[in-house]
Amino acid sequence: MKILLTGANGQLGNEMRVLAQAHPQHTYYYTDVQELDICDEEAVDSFVKTHRIEMIVNCAAYTAVDKAEENEPICRRLNAEAPGILARAAEAAGAGLIHVSTDYVFDGTAHLPYTEEQPTCPNSVYGITKRDGEQAVMEQCTRAMIIRTAWLYSGYGNNFVKTMLRLGRERDAMGVVFDQIGTPTYAADLARAIYTAIEQGIVPGIYHFSNEGVCSWYDFTLAIHRLAGITNCRVKPLHTNEYPAKAPRPAYSVLDKTKIKQTFHIEIPHWEEALEKCLEKLKIEN
């Protein structure tokens, strides 16, 4: 199969590249903005036709949640318009499309894990543009899967885990929000789920994926420090209103993963087990 991977230099894109080595039967086209501007419909159409692409995995997104509040036009182009462009190109070529979305399509006021059937209700520019991107994909590509994820981290790029490791080694004390609840997601585990869908064949629709279990950002930080052997930094729990941000964060963004587990027969590791694997990988690389 000829697979186009967009956002190939990001966290998930890099993990997809690593796993590609275990799936050498496919031909891969790794692109970021330098190789292919996914906001340019003509360029996308030409690329998909020229390379006879059979599957598009869209890992590209504008993910700077606070900056999005000031940069809505750029955020909208990448998160809402570009997925529509990819969806139309996939449909014209008879290709499949796997599009990665976010828990921010919900406002986080629920108290039970969100299912795929629940109505979206984003309350930030980032969340609204990602919701609009989902709608564009579902309306314009018949072989499309949307996978919503949350709290993504990996050994690549900048992310919460790397920031907490750095701050834990630099500081004697730090504060982390304890009243926002969700589930961390190791990008390598999400990449594996995407490959499972590719291998088994796309079943169109919306799916949720994160690691198993639930925690707060505060709990997550304590686990990061404990597993990394950081003992000299005292972590203090903060309320959300003590840590002001331009964009509102979901207070509760746990995703129900029943659908993806049953459809593709996958087992998902607990978030702490996944974190341990990521930290081991970082230790080896450093």
C-alpha atoms as a PDB file:
ATOM      1  CA  MET A   1       0.000   0.000   0.000  1.00  0.00           C
ATOM      2  CA  LYS A   2       1.189   3.540  -0.753  1.00  0.00           C
ATOM      3  CA  ILE A   3       0.789   5.621   2.411  1.00  0.00           C
ATOM      4  CA  LEU A   4       1.038   9.410   2.728  1.00  0.00           C
ATOM      5  CA  LEU A   5       1.933  10.528   6.242  1.00  0.00           C
ATOM      6  CA  THR A   6       1.432  14.236   6.939  1.00  0.00           C
ATOM      7  CA  GLY A   7       2.925  15.968   9.969  1.00  0.00           C
ATOM      8  CA  ALA A   8       5.749  13.420   9.768  1.00  0.00           C
ATOM      9  CA  ASN A   9       8.128  15.496  11.916  1.00  0.00           C
ATOM     10  CA  GLY A  10       5.762  15.735  14.891  1.00  0.00           C
ATOM     11  CA  GLN A  11       5.410  13.446  17.907  1.00  0.00           C
ATOM     12  CA  LEU A  12       2.976  10.996  16.331  1.00  0.00           C
ATOM     13  CA  GLY A  13       4.571  11.297  12.892  1.00  0.00           C
ATOM     14  CA  ASN A  14       7.935  10.275  14.278  1.00  0.00           C
ATOM     15  CA  GLU A  15       6.439   7.299  16.125  1.00  0.00           C
ATOM     16  CA  MET A  16       4.708   6.265  12.879  1.00  0.00           C
ATOM     17  CA  ARG A  17       8.090   6.382  11.128  1.00  0.00           C
ATOM     18  CA  VAL A  18       9.650   4.131  13.773  1.00  0.00           C
ATOM     19  CA  LEU A  19       6.860   1.559  13.427  1.00  0.00           C
ATOM     20  CA  ALA A  20       7.065   1.692   9.627  1.00  0.00           C
ATOM     21  CA  GLN A  21      10.208  -0.423   9.939  1.00  0.00           C
ATOM     22  CA  ALA A  22       8.009  -3.265  11.202  1.00  0.00           C
ATOM     23  CA  HIS A  23       5.681  -2.814   8.198  1.00  0.00           C
ATOM     24  CA  PRO A  24       8.102  -2.763   5.239  1.00  0.00           C
ATOM     25  CA  GLN A  25       5.477  -4.103   2.836  1.00  0.00           C
ATOM     26  CA  HIS A  26       4.148  -0.547   2.411  1.00  0.00           C
ATOM     27  CA  THR A  27       5.644   2.409   0.520  1.00  0.00           C
ATOM     28  CA  TYR A  28       5.719   5.542   2.674  1.00  0.00           C
ATOM     29  CA  TYR A  29       5.726   9.218   1.766  1.00  0.00           C
ATOM     30  CA  TYR A  30       6.690  11.267   4.822  1.00  0.00           C
ATOM     31  CA  THR A  31       5.768  14.924   4.504  1.00  0.00           C
ATOM     32  CA  ASP A  32       5.750  18.040   6.597  1.00  0.00           C
ATOM     33  CA  VAL A  33       5.083  21.575   5.400  1.00  0.00           C
ATOM     34  CA  GLN A  34       8.419  21.712   3.531  1.00  0.00           C
ATOM     35  CA  GLU A  35       7.504  18.702   1.376  1.00  0.00           C
ATOM     36  CA  LEU A  36       3.754  19.252   1.054  1.00  0.00           C
ATOM     37  CA  ASP A  37       1.570  22.175   2.117  1.00  0.00           C
ATOM     38  CA  ILE A  38      -1.684  20.447   3.067  1.00  0.00           C
ATOM     39  CA  CYS A  39      -3.471  23.819   2.956  1.00  0.00           C
ATOM     40  CA  ASP A  40      -2.781  23.940  -0.826  1.00  0.00           C
ATOM     41  CA  GLU A  41      -5.554  21.930  -2.493  1.00  0.00           C
ATOM     42  CA  GLU A  42      -3.862  21.828  -5.899  1.00  0.00           C
ATOM     43  CA  ALA A  43      -0.588  20.583  -4.400  1.00  0.00           C
ATOM     44  CA  VAL A  44      -2.355  17.891  -2.343  1.00  0.00           C
ATOM     45  CA  ASP A  45      -4.403  16.674  -5.340  1.00  0.00           C
ATOM     46  CA  SER A  46      -1.305  16.511  -7.504  1.00  0.00           C
ATOM     47  CA  PHE A  47       0.728  14.653  -4.851  1.00  0.00           C
ATOM     48  CA  VAL A  48      -1.992  12.056  -4.213  1.00  0.00           C
ATOM     49  CA  LYS A  49      -2.519  11.416  -7.943  1.00  0.00           C
ATOM     50  CA  THR A  50       1.175  11.414  -8.914  1.00  0.00           C
ATOM     51  CA  HIS A  51       2.163   8.948  -6.172  1.00  0.00           C
ATOM     52  CA  ARG A  52      -1.072   6.925  -6.432  1.00  0.00           C
ATOM     53  CA  ILE A  53      -1.659   7.235  -2.706  1.00  0.00           C
ATOM     54  CA  GLU A  54      -3.955   4.565  -1.211  1.00  0.00           C
ATOM     55  CA  MET A  55      -3.960   5.717   2.424  1.00  0.00           C
ATOM     56  CA  ILE A  56      -3.498   9.126   4.060  1.00  0.00           C
ATOM     57  CA  VAL A  57      -2.648   9.382   7.751  1.00  0.00           C
ATOM     58  CA  ASN A  58      -3.036  12.999   8.849  1.00  0.00           C
ATOM     59  CA  CYS A  59      -0.894  13.709  11.915  1.00  0.00           C
ATOM     60  CA  ALA A  60      -0.555  17.437  11.112  1.00  0.00           C
ATOM     61  CA  ALA A  61      -2.280  20.008  13.330  1.00  0.00           C
ATOM     62  CA  TYR A  62      -1.973  23.426  14.922  1.00  0.00           C
ATOM     63  CA  THR A  63      -1.649  22.377  18.569  1.00  0.00           C
ATOM     64  CA  ALA A  64      -0.558  25.563  20.392  1.00  0.00           C
ATOM     65  CA  VAL A  65      -3.819  25.799  22.358  1.00  0.00           C
ATOM     66  CA  ASP A  66      -3.265  29.248  23.902  1.00  0.00           C
ATOM     67  CA  LYS A  67      -1.708  30.819  20.793  1.00  0.00           C
ATOM     68  CA  ALA A  68      -4.707  29.598  18.811  1.00  0.00           C
ATOM     69  CA  GLU A  69      -6.886  32.126  20.667  1.00  0.00           C
ATOM     70  CA  GLU A  70      -4.914  34.918  18.932  1.00  0.00           C
ATOM     71  CA  ASN A  71      -4.135  33.115  15.661  1.00  0.00           C
ATOM     72  CA  GLU A  72      -7.532  31.756  14.652  1.00  0.00           C
ATOM     73  CA  PRO A  73      -7.053  32.149  10.845  1.00  0.00           C
ATOM     74  CA  ILE A  74      -3.836  30.067  10.841  1.00  0.00           C
ATOM     75  CA  CYS A  75      -5.298  27.544  13.269  1.00  0.00           C
ATOM     76  CA  ARG A  76      -8.458  27.221  11.143  1.00  0.00           C
ATOM     77  CA  ARG A  77      -6.477  26.655   7.940  1.00  0.00           C
ATOM     78  CA  LEU A  78      -4.487  23.793   9.424  1.00  0.00           C
ATOM     79  CA  ASN A  79      -7.099  22.204  11.693  1.00  0.00           C
ATOM     80  CA  ALA A  80     -10.341  22.718   9.750  1.00  0.00           C
ATOM     81  CA  GLU A  81      -9.617  23.503   6.092  1.00  0.00           C
ATOM     82  CA  ALA A  82      -6.622  21.202   5.485  1.00  0.00           C
ATOM     83  CA  PRO A  83      -8.440  18.047   6.680  1.00  0.00           C
ATOM     84  CA  GLY A  84     -11.199  18.860   4.187  1.00  0.00           C
ATOM     85  CA  ILE A  85      -8.606  19.195   1.416  1.00  0.00           C
ATOM     86  CA  LEU A  86      -7.079  15.823   2.352  1.00  0.00           C
ATOM     87  CA  ALA A  87     -10.547  14.250   2.539  1.00  0.00           C
ATOM     88  CA  ARG A  88     -11.487  15.446  -0.960  1.00  0.00           C
ATOM     89  CA  ALA A  89      -8.179  14.227  -2.383  1.00  0.00           C
ATOM     90  CA  ALA A  90      -8.609  10.827  -0.704  1.00  0.00           C
ATOM     91  CA  GLU A  91     -12.177  10.510  -1.996  1.00  0.00           C
ATOM     92  CA  ALA A  92     -11.154  11.403  -5.554  1.00  0.00           C
ATOM     93  CA  ALA A  93      -8.381   8.777  -5.440  1.00  0.00           C
ATOM     94  CA  GLY A  94     -10.496   6.110  -3.712  1.00  0.00           C
ATOM     95  CA  ALA A  95      -8.020   6.218  -0.832  1.00  0.00           C
ATOM     96  CA  GLY A  96      -8.589   5.794   2.880  1.00  0.00           C
ATOM     97  CA  LEU A  97      -7.991   8.580   5.404  1.00  0.00           C
ATOM     98  CA  ILE A  98      -7.112   8.337   9.085  1.00  0.00           C
ATOM     99  CA  HIS A  99      -7.387  11.759  10.712  1.00  0.00           C
ATOM    100  CA  VAL A 100      -6.164  12.438  14.260  1.00  0.00           C
ATOM    101  CA  SER A 101      -8.344  14.677  16.441  1.00  0.00           C
ATOM    102  CA  THR A 102      -8.595  15.682  20.094  1.00  0.00           C
ATOM    103  CA  ASP A 103     -10.491  15.534  23.389  1.00  0.00           C
ATOM    104  CA  TYR A 104     -10.841  19.348  23.101  1.00  0.00           C
ATOM    105  CA  VAL A 105     -13.912  18.836  20.897  1.00  0.00           C
ATOM    106  CA  PHE A 106     -15.661  18.396  24.285  1.00  0.00           C
ATOM    107  CA  ASP A 107     -15.917  21.110  26.942  1.00  0.00           C
ATOM    108  CA  GLY A 108     -14.890  18.772  29.767  1.00  0.00           C
ATOM    109  CA  THR A 109     -17.949  19.260  31.983  1.00  0.00           C
ATOM    110  CA  ALA A 110     -18.914  15.547  32.002  1.00  0.00           C
ATOM    111  CA  HIS A 111     -18.216  13.149  34.862  1.00  0.00           C
ATOM    112  CA  LEU A 112     -18.163   9.901  32.874  1.00  0.00           C
ATOM    113  CA  PRO A 113     -15.855   8.985  29.970  1.00  0.00           C
ATOM    114  CA  TYR A 114     -16.884  10.546  26.660  1.00  0.00           C
ATOM    115  CA  THR A 115     -18.188   8.186  23.975  1.00  0.00           C
ATOM    116  CA  GLU A 116     -17.983   8.860  20.248  1.00  0.00           C
ATOM    117  CA  GLU A 117     -21.761   9.372  20.071  1.00  0.00           C
ATOM    118  CA  GLN A 118     -21.875  12.272  22.510  1.00  0.00           C
ATOM    119  CA  PRO A 119     -22.412  15.699  20.919  1.00  0.00           C
ATOM    120  CA  THR A 120     -19.306  17.836  20.609  1.00  0.00           C
ATOM    121  CA  CYS A 121     -19.182  21.117  22.521  1.00  0.00           C
ATOM    122  CA  PRO A 122     -15.755  22.768  22.164  1.00  0.00           C
ATOM    123  CA  ASN A 123     -15.068  25.982  24.078  1.00  0.00           C
ATOM    124  CA  SER A 124     -11.695  27.070  22.648  1.00  0.00           C
ATOM    125  CA  VAL A 125     -10.489  28.114  19.186  1.00  0.00           C
ATOM    126  CA  TYR A 126      -8.340  24.987  19.046  1.00  0.00           C
ATOM    127  CA  GLY A 127     -11.286  22.742  19.944  1.00  0.00           C
ATOM    128  CA  ILE A 128     -13.697  24.476  17.560  1.00  0.00           C
ATOM    129  CA  THR A 129     -11.294  24.223  14.595  1.00  0.00           C
ATOM    130  CA  LYS A 130     -10.567  20.548  15.334  1.00  0.00           C
ATOM    131  CA  ARG A 131     -14.324  19.839  15.517  1.00  0.00           C
ATOM    132  CA  ASP A 132     -14.824  21.609  12.171  1.00  0.00           C
ATOM    133  CA  GLY A 133     -11.988  19.530  10.698  1.00  0.00           C
ATOM    134  CA  GLU A 134     -13.699  16.346  11.844  1.00  0.00           C
ATOM    135  CA  GLN A 135     -16.937  17.405  10.167  1.00  0.00           C
ATOM    136  CA  ALA A 136     -15.143  18.209   6.902  1.00  0.00           C
ATOM    137  CA  VAL A 137     -13.496  14.769   6.896  1.00  0.00           C
ATOM    138  CA  MET A 138     -16.694  12.846   7.629  1.00  0.00           C
ATOM    139  CA  GLU A 139     -18.694  14.790   5.042  1.00  0.00           C
ATOM    140  CA  GLN A 140     -16.190  14.481   2.211  1.00  0.00           C
ATOM    141  CA  CYS A 141     -14.500  11.073   2.497  1.00  0.00           C
ATOM    142  CA  THR A 142     -16.421   7.796   2.599  1.00  0.00           C
ATOM    143  CA  ARG A 143     -13.373   5.770   3.764  1.00  0.00           C
ATOM    144  CA  ALA A 144     -12.438   7.997   6.695  1.00  0.00           C
ATOM    145  CA  MET A 145     -11.572   7.206  10.292  1.00  0.00           C
ATOM    146  CA  ILE A 146     -11.212   9.912  12.922  1.00  0.00           C
ATOM    147  CA  ILE A 147      -9.234   9.005  16.035  1.00  0.00           C
ATOM    148  CA  ARG A 148      -9.578  11.415  18.941  1.00  0.00           C
ATOM    149  CA  THR A 149      -6.762  11.334  21.466  1.00  0.00           C
ATOM    150  CA  ALA A 150      -5.642  13.281  24.547  1.00  0.00           C
ATOM    151  CA  TRP A 151      -2.570  14.343  26.542  1.00  0.00           C
ATOM    152  CA  LEU A 152      -0.172  13.119  23.854  1.00  0.00           C
ATOM    153  CA  TYR A 153       3.519  12.705  24.659  1.00  0.00           C
ATOM    154  CA  SER A 154       6.518  10.834  23.246  1.00  0.00           C
ATOM    155  CA  GLY A 155      10.291  10.809  23.105  1.00  0.00           C
ATOM    156  CA  TYR A 156      10.114  13.359  20.265  1.00  0.00           C
ATOM    157  CA  GLY A 157       9.575  17.115  20.211  1.00  0.00           C
ATOM    158  CA  ASN A 158       8.293  19.210  23.088  1.00  0.00           C
ATOM    159  CA  ASN A 159       5.683  17.751  25.415  1.00  0.00           C
ATOM    160  CA  PHE A 160       4.524  17.647  29.034  1.00  0.00           C
ATOM    161  CA  VAL A 161       6.700  14.672  30.011  1.00  0.00           C
ATOM    162  CA  LYS A 162       9.887  16.280  28.741  1.00  0.00           C
ATOM    163  CA  THR A 163       9.000  19.601  30.371  1.00  0.00           C
ATOM    164  CA  MET A 164       8.343  17.968  33.760  1.00  0.00           C
ATOM    165  CA  LEU A 165      11.631  16.043  33.523  1.00  0.00           C
ATOM    166  CA  ARG A 166      13.527  19.255  32.811  1.00  0.00           C
ATOM    167  CA  LEU A 167      11.796  21.317  35.502  1.00  0.00           C
ATOM    168  CA  GLY A 168      12.107  18.506  38.027  1.00  0.00           C
ATOM    169  CA  ARG A 169      15.876  18.521  37.553  1.00  0.00           C
ATOM    170  CA  GLU A 170      16.183  22.320  37.529  1.00  0.00           C
ATOM    171  CA  ARG A 171      13.912  23.315  40.426  1.00  0.00           C
ATOM    172  CA  ASP A 172      13.449  22.585  44.114  1.00  0.00           C
ATOM    173  CA  ALA A 173       9.676  23.038  43.863  1.00  0.00           C
ATOM    174  CA  MET A 174       6.958  23.488  41.244  1.00  0.00           C
ATOM    175  CA  GLY A 175       3.167  23.696  41.009  1.00  0.00           C
ATOM    176  CA  VAL A 176       0.989  21.521  38.745  1.00  0.00           C
ATOM    177  CA  VAL A 177      -2.779  21.577  38.216  1.00  0.00           C
ATOM    178  CA  PHE A 178      -4.637  18.811  40.071  1.00  0.00           C
ATOM    179  CA  ASP A 179      -8.259  19.551  39.075  1.00  0.00           C
ATOM    180  CA  GLN A 180      -7.997  18.656  35.374  1.00  0.00           C
ATOM    181  CA  ILE A 181      -8.574  14.938  34.863  1.00  0.00           C
ATOM    182  CA  GLY A 182      -7.773  12.850  31.810  1.00  0.00           C
ATOM    183  CA  THR A 183      -5.531  10.096  30.471  1.00  0.00           C
ATOM    184  CA  PRO A 184      -2.001  10.504  29.095  1.00  0.00           C
ATOM    185  CA  THR A 185      -1.382   8.928  25.691  1.00  0.00           C
ATOM    186  CA  TYR A 186       1.996   7.577  24.593  1.00  0.00           C
ATOM    187  CA  ALA A 187       2.240   8.394  20.880  1.00  0.00           C
ATOM    188  CA  ALA A 188       3.899   5.015  20.192  1.00  0.00           C
ATOM    189  CA  ASP A 189       0.744   3.244  21.426  1.00  0.00           C
ATOM    190  CA  LEU A 190      -1.474   5.452  19.257  1.00  0.00           C
ATOM    191  CA  ALA A 191       0.794   4.730  16.269  1.00  0.00           C
ATOM    192  CA  ARG A 192       0.345   0.996  16.886  1.00  0.00           C
ATOM    193  CA  ALA A 193      -3.438   1.426  16.927  1.00  0.00           C
ATOM    194  CA  ILE A 194      -3.275   3.316  13.611  1.00  0.00           C
ATOM    195  CA  TYR A 195      -1.213   0.549  12.014  1.00  0.00           C
ATOM    196  CA  THR A 196      -3.701  -2.027  13.304  1.00  0.00           C
ATOM    197  CA  ALA A 197      -6.510  -0.135  11.543  1.00  0.00           C
ATOM    198  CA  ILE A 198      -4.459   0.038   8.332  1.00  0.00           C
ATOM    199  CA  GLU A 199      -3.648  -3.678   8.422  1.00  0.00           C
ATOM    200  CA  GLN A 200      -7.166  -4.840   9.317  1.00  0.00           C
ATOM    201  CA  GLY A 201      -8.832  -2.355   6.969  1.00  0.00           C
ATOM    202  CA  ILE A 202     -10.494   0.950   7.760  1.00  0.00           C
ATOM    203  CA  VAL A 203     -13.901   0.788   9.404  1.00  0.00           C
ATOM    204  CA  PRO A 204     -15.238   4.332   8.800  1.00  0.00           C
ATOM    205  CA  GLY A 205     -16.321   6.416  11.768  1.00  0.00           C
ATOM    206  CA  ILE A 206     -15.104   8.220  14.864  1.00  0.00           C
ATOM    207  CA  TYR A 207     -12.995   6.455  17.507  1.00  0.00           C
ATOM    208  CA  HIS A 208     -11.386   7.372  20.821  1.00  0.00           C
ATOM    209  CA  PHE A 209      -7.881   6.338  21.834  1.00  0.00           C
ATOM    210  CA  SER A 210      -5.741   7.055  24.871  1.00  0.00           C
ATOM    211  CA  ASN A 211      -3.914   4.807  27.272  1.00  0.00           C
ATOM    212  CA  GLU A 212      -5.975   3.114  30.006  1.00  0.00           C
ATOM    213  CA  GLY A 213      -6.583   4.619  33.434  1.00  0.00           C
ATOM    214  CA  VAL A 214      -7.217   8.122  34.724  1.00  0.00           C
ATOM    215  CA  CYS A 215      -5.131  10.782  36.478  1.00  0.00           C
ATOM    216  CA  SER A 216      -4.667  14.522  36.955  1.00  0.00           C
ATOM    217  CA  TRP A 217      -1.722  16.517  35.592  1.00  0.00           C
ATOM    218  CA  TYR A 218      -0.446  16.586  39.187  1.00  0.00           C
ATOM    219  CA  ASP A 219      -0.619  12.771  39.500  1.00  0.00           C
ATOM    220  CA  PHE A 220       1.029  12.445  36.077  1.00  0.00           C
ATOM    221  CA  THR A 221       3.902  14.674  37.189  1.00  0.00           C
ATOM    222  CA  LEU A 222       4.443  12.700  40.399  1.00  0.00           C
ATOM    223  CA  ALA A 223       4.637   9.482  38.347  1.00  0.00           C
ATOM    224  CA  ILE A 224       7.086  11.057  35.859  1.00  0.00           C
ATOM    225  CA  HIS A 225       9.388  12.147  38.692  1.00  0.00           C
ATOM    226  CA  ARG A 226       9.103   8.854  40.576  1.00  0.00           C
ATOM    227  CA  LEU A 227       9.857   6.706  37.530  1.00  0.00           C
ATOM    228  CA  ALA A 228      12.706   9.001  36.455  1.00  0.00           C
ATOM    229  CA  GLY A 229      14.256   8.965  39.932  1.00  0.00           C
ATOM    230  CA  ILE A 230      13.770  12.700  40.510  1.00  0.00           C
ATOM    231  CA  THR A 231      13.571  13.190  44.293  1.00  0.00           C
ATOM    232  CA  ASN A 232      14.739  16.757  44.971  1.00  0.00           C
ATOM    233  CA  CYS A 233      11.742  18.636  43.514  1.00  0.00           C
ATOM    234  CA  ARG A 234       8.597  19.138  45.627  1.00  0.00           C
ATOM    235  CA  VAL A 235       5.470  19.146  43.450  1.00  0.00           C
ATOM    236  CA  LYS A 236       2.603  21.256  44.780  1.00  0.00           C
ATOM    237  CA  PRO A 237      -1.014  20.777  43.594  1.00  0.00           C
ATOM    238  CA  LEU A 238      -2.576  23.884  42.008  1.00  0.00           C
ATOM    239  CA  HIS A 239      -6.179  24.789  41.156  1.00  0.00           C
ATOM    240  CA  THR A 240      -6.792  25.668  37.508  1.00  0.00           C
ATOM    241  CA  ASN A 241      -7.532  29.283  38.474  1.00  0.00           C
ATOM    242  CA  GLU A 242      -4.046  29.531  40.003  1.00  0.00           C
ATOM    243  CA  TYR A 243      -2.521  28.783  36.610  1.00  0.00           C
ATOM    244  CA  PRO A 244      -4.148  31.260  34.208  1.00  0.00           C
ATOM    245  CA  ALA A 245      -4.260  30.414  30.510  1.00  0.00           C
ATOM    246  CA  LYS A 246      -5.829  32.132  27.488  1.00  0.00           C
ATOM    247  CA  ALA A 247      -7.757  29.045  26.368  1.00  0.00           C
ATOM    248  CA  PRO A 248     -10.028  27.113  28.738  1.00  0.00           C
ATOM    249  CA  ARG A 249      -8.964  23.511  29.430  1.00  0.00           C
ATOM    250  CA  PRO A 250     -11.413  20.615  29.820  1.00  0.00           C
ATOM    251  CA  ALA A 251     -11.736  19.780  33.535  1.00  0.00           C
ATOM    252  CA  TYR A 252     -12.615  16.179  32.643  1.00  0.00           C
ATOM    253  CA  SER A 253     -11.512  14.713  29.328  1.00  0.00           C
ATOM    254  CA  VAL A 254     -11.446  10.951  29.824  1.00  0.00           C
ATOM    255  CA  LEU A 255     -12.271   9.154  26.565  1.00  0.00           C
ATOM    256  CA  ASP A 256     -14.229   5.892  26.383  1.00  0.00           C
ATOM    257  CA  LYS A 257     -12.182   3.478  24.222  1.00  0.00           C
ATOM    258  CA  THR A 258     -14.667   0.595  24.015  1.00  0.00           C
ATOM    259  CA  LYS A 259     -15.378   1.115  20.291  1.00  0.00           C
ATOM    260  CA  ILE A 260     -11.777   0.985  19.035  1.00  0.00           C
ATOM    261  CA  LYS A 261     -10.949  -1.976  21.314  1.00  0.00           C
ATOM    262  CA  GLN A 262     -13.921  -4.002  20.093  1.00  0.00           C
ATOM    263  CA  THR A 263     -13.663  -3.040  16.416  1.00  0.00           C
ATOM    264  CA  PHE A 264      -9.946  -3.782  16.018  1.00  0.00           C
ATOM    265  CA  HIS A 265      -9.467  -6.261  18.901  1.00  0.00           C
ATOM    266  CA  ILE A 266      -6.670  -4.279  20.505  1.00  0.00           C
ATOM    267  CA  GLU A 267      -5.397  -4.204  24.067  1.00  0.00           C
ATOM    268  CA  ILE A 268      -4.286  -0.827  25.391  1.00  0.00           C
ATOM    269  CA  PRO A 269      -1.603  -0.474  28.087  1.00  0.00           C
ATOM    270  CA  HIS A 270      -2.204   1.465  31.300  1.00  0.00           C
ATOM    271  CA  TRP A 271      -0.807   5.010  31.158  1.00  0.00           C
ATOM    272  CA  GLU A 272       1.817   4.324  33.818  1.00  0.00           C
ATOM    273  CA  GLU A 273       3.144   1.263  31.996  1.00  0.00           C
ATOM    274  CA  ALA A 274       3.328   3.307  28.793  1.00  0.00           C
ATOM    275  CA  LEU A 275       5.083   6.176  30.584  1.00  0.00           C
ATOM    276  CA  GLU A 276       7.693   3.763  31.926  1.00  0.00           C
ATOM    277  CA  LYS A 277       8.442   2.569  28.370  1.00  0.00           C
ATOM    278  CA  CYS A 278       8.817   6.138  27.118  1.00  0.00           C
ATOM    279  CA  LEU A 279      11.161   7.072  29.976  1.00  0.00           C
ATOM    280  CA  GLU A 280      13.264   3.967  29.349  1.00  0.00           C
ATOM    281  CA  LYS A 281      13.579   4.953  25.702  1.00  0.00           C
ATOM    282  CA  LEU A 282      14.592   8.511  26.649  1.00  0.00           C
ATOM    283  CA  LYS A 283      17.178   7.144  29.101  1.00  0.00           C
ATOM    284  CA  ILE A 284      18.731   4.927  26.401  1.00  0.00           C
ATOM    285  CA  GLU A 285      18.836   7.780  23.873  1.00  0.00           C
ATOM    286  CA  ASN A 286      20.434  10.169  26.379  1.00  0.00           C
END
